[in-house]
Amino acid sequence: MNGARWWPVAIVLVLGVTVVANVAVYWTANHDPSFAVEPDYYRRAVEWDSTVAREKRSAALRWTVDVRLDPPVNGEATLRVRLRGDDGTSLDSVDVRAEASHNARGAEVFVVRLAPTGSGQYTGEIPSVRQGLWRVDLSAIRGRDAFTERVTLDNGSPATP
């Protein structure tokens, strides 16, 4: 085969490599659990003013929250939350929910409704064996009062293999 016949083959090969590379990038981008996109980011951007107003109403409640995530046992980690009012008293009869994600796996978000255990304390189980840094978005609703808080916490270092 002379040089005049090789260039169409070279073009087909270059196009084939490009298609394979694009498919590999697409697959990697859509199957990487450490890559996360904020859900409903456009809607949240449009509703930014109402989000700021909601955060101001939440801050005006002056509630405080203590959050702890125990190291995992048997594939579950226990999330413990204690709520206190602005005067330091325990807050009971509150609907507490959490969205938790490990920093290394931002695409895996665990949504849990916490059960009251008395004296302003609430617990829930997160099905995960991961240790390290976690982002926990809490929402606590009692009547017309709505409290939100984002907490970053550490539930211990992973065991060394």
C-alpha atoms as a PDB file:
ATOM      1  CA  MET A   1       0.000   0.000   0.000  1.00  0.00           C
ATOM      2  CA  ASN A   2       1.404   3.375  -0.936  1.00  0.00           C
ATOM      3  CA  GLY A   3       1.234   6.633   1.043  1.00  0.00           C
ATOM      4  CA  ALA A   4      -1.881   7.841  -0.770  1.00  0.00           C
ATOM      5  CA  ARG A   5      -3.890   4.974   0.651  1.00  0.00           C
ATOM      6  CA  TRP A   6      -2.698   5.290   4.295  1.00  0.00           C
ATOM      7  CA  TRP A   7      -4.193   8.686   5.069  1.00  0.00           C
ATOM      8  CA  PRO A   8      -7.860   7.531   4.994  1.00  0.00           C
ATOM      9  CA  VAL A   9      -6.932   4.696   7.369  1.00  0.00           C
ATOM     10  CA  ALA A  10      -5.142   7.184   9.640  1.00  0.00           C
ATOM     11  CA  ILE A  11      -8.219   9.446   9.723  1.00  0.00           C
ATOM     12  CA  VAL A  12     -10.495   6.520  10.597  1.00  0.00           C
ATOM     13  CA  LEU A  13      -8.085   5.436  13.360  1.00  0.00           C
ATOM     14  CA  VAL A  14      -7.901   8.962  14.831  1.00  0.00           C
ATOM     15  CA  LEU A  15     -11.704   9.246  14.795  1.00  0.00           C
ATOM     16  CA  GLY A  16     -12.020   5.796  16.389  1.00  0.00           C
ATOM     17  CA  VAL A  17      -9.586   6.695  19.173  1.00  0.00           C
ATOM     18  CA  THR A  18     -11.519   9.938  19.773  1.00  0.00           C
ATOM     19  CA  VAL A  19     -14.826   8.076  20.088  1.00  0.00           C
ATOM     20  CA  VAL A  20     -13.319   5.512  22.485  1.00  0.00           C
ATOM     21  CA  ALA A  21     -11.751   8.286  24.602  1.00  0.00           C
ATOM     22  CA  ASN A  22     -15.064  10.188  24.778  1.00  0.00           C
ATOM     23  CA  VAL A  23     -16.949   7.056  25.838  1.00  0.00           C
ATOM     24  CA  ALA A  24     -14.330   6.399  28.540  1.00  0.00           C
ATOM     25  CA  VAL A  25     -14.593   9.978  29.855  1.00  0.00           C
ATOM     26  CA  TYR A  26     -18.409   9.807  29.828  1.00  0.00           C
ATOM     27  CA  TRP A  27     -18.422   6.506  31.717  1.00  0.00           C
ATOM     28  CA  THR A  28     -15.901   7.742  34.289  1.00  0.00           C
ATOM     29  CA  ALA A  29     -17.811  10.982  34.893  1.00  0.00           C
ATOM     30  CA  ASN A  30     -21.102   9.157  35.442  1.00  0.00           C
ATOM     31  CA  HIS A  31     -19.806   6.274  37.556  1.00  0.00           C
ATOM     32  CA  ASP A  32     -17.420   7.965  39.972  1.00  0.00           C
ATOM     33  CA  PRO A  33     -18.952   7.943  43.486  1.00  0.00           C
ATOM     34  CA  SER A  34     -16.511  10.606  44.686  1.00  0.00           C
ATOM     35  CA  PHE A  35     -17.850  13.136  42.157  1.00  0.00           C
ATOM     36  CA  ALA A  36     -21.006  14.926  43.247  1.00  0.00           C
ATOM     37  CA  VAL A  37     -23.144  17.644  41.745  1.00  0.00           C
ATOM     38  CA  GLU A  38     -25.399  19.718  43.971  1.00  0.00           C
ATOM     39  CA  PRO A  39     -28.919  18.395  43.286  1.00  0.00           C
ATOM     40  CA  ASP A  40     -31.366  20.893  41.777  1.00  0.00           C
ATOM     41  CA  TYR A  41     -28.625  23.516  41.628  1.00  0.00           C
ATOM     42  CA  TYR A  42     -30.509  25.712  39.140  1.00  0.00           C
ATOM     43  CA  ARG A  43     -33.719  25.756  41.194  1.00  0.00           C
ATOM     44  CA  ARG A  44     -31.694  26.480  44.315  1.00  0.00           C
ATOM     45  CA  ALA A  45     -29.967  29.386  42.589  1.00  0.00           C
ATOM     46  CA  VAL A  46     -33.301  30.846  41.465  1.00  0.00           C
ATOM     47  CA  GLU A  47     -34.661  30.517  45.023  1.00  0.00           C
ATOM     48  CA  TRP A  48     -31.543  31.994  46.660  1.00  0.00           C
ATOM     49  CA  ASP A  49     -33.386  34.907  48.313  1.00  0.00           C
ATOM     50  CA  SER A  50     -35.867  32.587  50.006  1.00  0.00           C
ATOM     51  CA  THR A  51     -32.986  30.350  51.125  1.00  0.00           C
ATOM     52  CA  VAL A  52     -31.257  33.313  52.781  1.00  0.00           C
ATOM     53  CA  ALA A  53     -34.528  34.353  54.452  1.00  0.00           C
ATOM     54  CA  ARG A  54     -35.051  30.786  55.740  1.00  0.00           C
ATOM     55  CA  GLU A  55     -31.495  30.749  57.143  1.00  0.00           C
ATOM     56  CA  LYS A  56     -32.119  34.075  58.906  1.00  0.00           C
ATOM     57  CA  ARG A  57     -35.333  32.735  60.473  1.00  0.00           C
ATOM     58  CA  SER A  58     -33.423  29.635  61.552  1.00  0.00           C
ATOM     59  CA  ALA A  59     -30.635  31.704  63.116  1.00  0.00           C
ATOM     60  CA  ALA A  60     -33.205  33.900  64.897  1.00  0.00           C
ATOM     61  CA  LEU A  61     -34.428  30.815  66.809  1.00  0.00           C
ATOM     62  CA  ARG A  62     -30.982  30.649  68.456  1.00  0.00           C
ATOM     63  CA  TRP A  63     -31.241  26.888  68.817  1.00  0.00           C
ATOM     64  CA  THR A  64     -27.990  25.002  69.341  1.00  0.00           C
ATOM     65  CA  VAL A  65     -27.152  21.548  68.130  1.00  0.00           C
ATOM     66  CA  ASP A  66     -24.534  19.008  69.152  1.00  0.00           C
ATOM     67  CA  VAL A  67     -23.907  16.357  66.509  1.00  0.00           C
ATOM     68  CA  ARG A  68     -21.891  13.173  66.826  1.00  0.00           C
ATOM     69  CA  LEU A  69     -21.422  10.324  64.385  1.00  0.00           C
ATOM     70  CA  ASP A  70     -20.170   7.146  66.005  1.00  0.00           C
ATOM     71  CA  PRO A  71     -17.680   4.911  64.181  1.00  0.00           C
ATOM     72  CA  PRO A  72     -19.485   2.218  62.183  1.00  0.00           C
ATOM     73  CA  VAL A  73     -20.423  -1.089  63.773  1.00  0.00           C
ATOM     74  CA  ASN A  74     -21.760  -3.949  61.636  1.00  0.00           C
ATOM     75  CA  GLY A  75     -22.133  -1.689  58.593  1.00  0.00           C
ATOM     76  CA  GLU A  76     -24.022   1.122  60.331  1.00  0.00           C
ATOM     77  CA  ALA A  77     -22.935   4.354  61.971  1.00  0.00           C
ATOM     78  CA  THR A  78     -25.154   5.986  64.603  1.00  0.00           C
ATOM     79  CA  LEU A  79     -25.884   9.682  64.179  1.00  0.00           C
ATOM     80  CA  ARG A  80     -26.612  11.393  67.505  1.00  0.00           C
ATOM     81  CA  VAL A  81     -28.100  14.877  67.735  1.00  0.00           C
ATOM     82  CA  ARG A  82     -28.929  16.967  70.792  1.00  0.00           C
ATOM     83  CA  LEU A  83     -31.090  20.069  70.372  1.00  0.00           C
ATOM     84  CA  ARG A  84     -31.310  22.932  72.831  1.00  0.00           C
ATOM     85  CA  GLY A  85     -33.410  26.062  72.780  1.00  0.00           C
ATOM     86  CA  ASP A  86     -32.080  29.598  73.129  1.00  0.00           C
ATOM     87  CA  ASP A  87     -32.347  29.303  76.921  1.00  0.00           C
ATOM     88  CA  GLY A  88     -30.379  26.022  77.000  1.00  0.00           C
ATOM     89  CA  THR A  89     -33.353  23.745  77.636  1.00  0.00           C
ATOM     90  CA  SER A  90     -33.673  20.492  75.748  1.00  0.00           C
ATOM     91  CA  LEU A  91     -36.000  20.554  72.751  1.00  0.00           C
ATOM     92  CA  ASP A  92     -38.386  17.616  72.528  1.00  0.00           C
ATOM     93  CA  SER A  93     -41.184  16.850  70.050  1.00  0.00           C
ATOM     94  CA  VAL A  94     -39.074  17.986  67.108  1.00  0.00           C
ATOM     95  CA  ASP A  95     -39.046  16.326  63.676  1.00  0.00           C
ATOM     96  CA  VAL A  96     -35.315  15.920  62.991  1.00  0.00           C
ATOM     97  CA  ARG A  97     -33.972  14.805  59.626  1.00  0.00           C
ATOM     98  CA  ALA A  98     -30.450  14.581  58.279  1.00  0.00           C
ATOM     99  CA  GLU A  99     -28.707  14.212  54.945  1.00  0.00           C
ATOM    100  CA  ALA A 100     -25.207  12.826  55.445  1.00  0.00           C
ATOM    101  CA  SER A 101     -22.428  12.235  52.952  1.00  0.00           C
ATOM    102  CA  HIS A 102     -18.838  11.159  53.411  1.00  0.00           C
ATOM    103  CA  ASN A 103     -16.340  13.617  51.921  1.00  0.00           C
ATOM    104  CA  ALA A 104     -14.708  10.890  49.818  1.00  0.00           C
ATOM    105  CA  ARG A 105     -18.065   9.759  48.382  1.00  0.00           C
ATOM    106  CA  GLY A 106     -20.107  12.924  47.889  1.00  0.00           C
ATOM    107  CA  ALA A 107     -22.501  11.257  45.455  1.00  0.00           C
ATOM    108  CA  GLU A 108     -23.706   8.848  48.173  1.00  0.00           C
ATOM    109  CA  VAL A 109     -26.139  10.842  50.283  1.00  0.00           C
ATOM    110  CA  PHE A 110     -27.886   9.075  53.147  1.00  0.00           C
ATOM    111  CA  VAL A 111     -31.223  10.548  54.223  1.00  0.00           C
ATOM    112  CA  VAL A 112     -32.346   9.587  57.708  1.00  0.00           C
ATOM    113  CA  ARG A 113     -35.151  10.607  60.030  1.00  0.00           C
ATOM    114  CA  LEU A 114     -33.903  10.662  63.597  1.00  0.00           C
ATOM    115  CA  ALA A 115     -35.933   9.106  66.390  1.00  0.00           C
ATOM    116  CA  PRO A 116     -36.325  10.902  69.715  1.00  0.00           C
ATOM    117  CA  THR A 117     -34.602   9.244  72.674  1.00  0.00           C
ATOM    118  CA  GLY A 118     -35.525  11.835  75.335  1.00  0.00           C
ATOM    119  CA  SER A 119     -34.010  14.994  76.799  1.00  0.00           C
ATOM    120  CA  GLY A 120     -33.681  16.661  73.394  1.00  0.00           C
ATOM    121  CA  GLN A 121     -31.656  13.793  71.971  1.00  0.00           C
ATOM    122  CA  TYR A 122     -32.320  12.099  68.637  1.00  0.00           C
ATOM    123  CA  THR A 123     -30.601   9.164  66.921  1.00  0.00           C
ATOM    124  CA  GLY A 124     -30.606   7.495  63.546  1.00  0.00           C
ATOM    125  CA  GLU A 125     -28.594   4.863  61.680  1.00  0.00           C
ATOM    126  CA  ILE A 126     -26.578   5.535  58.537  1.00  0.00           C
ATOM    127  CA  PRO A 127     -25.810   2.419  56.480  1.00  0.00           C
ATOM    128  CA  SER A 128     -22.099   2.969  55.943  1.00  0.00           C
ATOM    129  CA  VAL A 129     -18.759   1.546  56.989  1.00  0.00           C
ATOM    130  CA  ARG A 130     -16.812   4.730  56.181  1.00  0.00           C
ATOM    131  CA  GLN A 131     -14.857   6.680  58.722  1.00  0.00           C
ATOM    132  CA  GLY A 132     -13.428  10.162  58.304  1.00  0.00           C
ATOM    133  CA  LEU A 133     -15.007  13.504  57.482  1.00  0.00           C
ATOM    134  CA  TRP A 134     -18.758  13.705  56.919  1.00  0.00           C
ATOM    135  CA  ARG A 135     -21.042  16.546  55.877  1.00  0.00           C
ATOM    136  CA  VAL A 136     -24.363  16.466  57.708  1.00  0.00           C
ATOM    137  CA  ASP A 137     -27.248  18.772  56.776  1.00  0.00           C
ATOM    138  CA  LEU A 138     -29.763  18.846  59.617  1.00  0.00           C
ATOM    139  CA  SER A 139     -33.320  20.111  59.588  1.00  0.00           C
ATOM    140  CA  ALA A 140     -35.396  20.316  62.748  1.00  0.00           C
ATOM    141  CA  ILE A 141     -39.043  21.326  62.588  1.00  0.00           C
ATOM    142  CA  ARG A 142     -41.316  21.998  65.554  1.00  0.00           C
ATOM    143  CA  GLY A 143     -44.641  23.571  64.712  1.00  0.00           C
ATOM    144  CA  ARG A 144     -43.905  26.649  62.597  1.00  0.00           C
ATOM    145  CA  ASP A 145     -40.262  26.791  63.709  1.00  0.00           C
ATOM    146  CA  ALA A 146     -37.745  25.417  61.217  1.00  0.00           C
ATOM    147  CA  PHE A 147     -34.072  25.121  62.098  1.00  0.00           C
ATOM    148  CA  THR A 148     -31.297  24.127  59.678  1.00  0.00           C
ATOM    149  CA  GLU A 149     -27.626  23.548  60.247  1.00  0.00           C
ATOM    150  CA  ARG A 150     -24.743  22.173  58.180  1.00  0.00           C
ATOM    151  CA  VAL A 151     -22.090  20.383  60.210  1.00  0.00           C
ATOM    152  CA  THR A 152     -18.793  18.821  59.210  1.00  0.00           C
ATOM    153  CA  LEU A 153     -17.667  16.143  61.607  1.00  0.00           C
ATOM    154  CA  ASP A 154     -15.139  13.361  61.937  1.00  0.00           C
ATOM    155  CA  ASN A 155     -16.138   9.875  63.071  1.00  0.00           C
ATOM    156  CA  GLY A 156     -12.615   8.544  63.402  1.00  0.00           C
ATOM    157  CA  SER A 157      -9.775   7.447  61.192  1.00  0.00           C
ATOM    158  CA  PRO A 158     -10.184   4.355  59.034  1.00  0.00           C
ATOM    159  CA  ALA A 159      -8.310   1.285  60.139  1.00  0.00           C
ATOM    160  CA  THR A 160      -4.965   0.812  58.442  1.00  0.00           C
ATOM    161  CA  PRO A 161      -4.979  -2.233  56.155  1.00  0.00           C
END
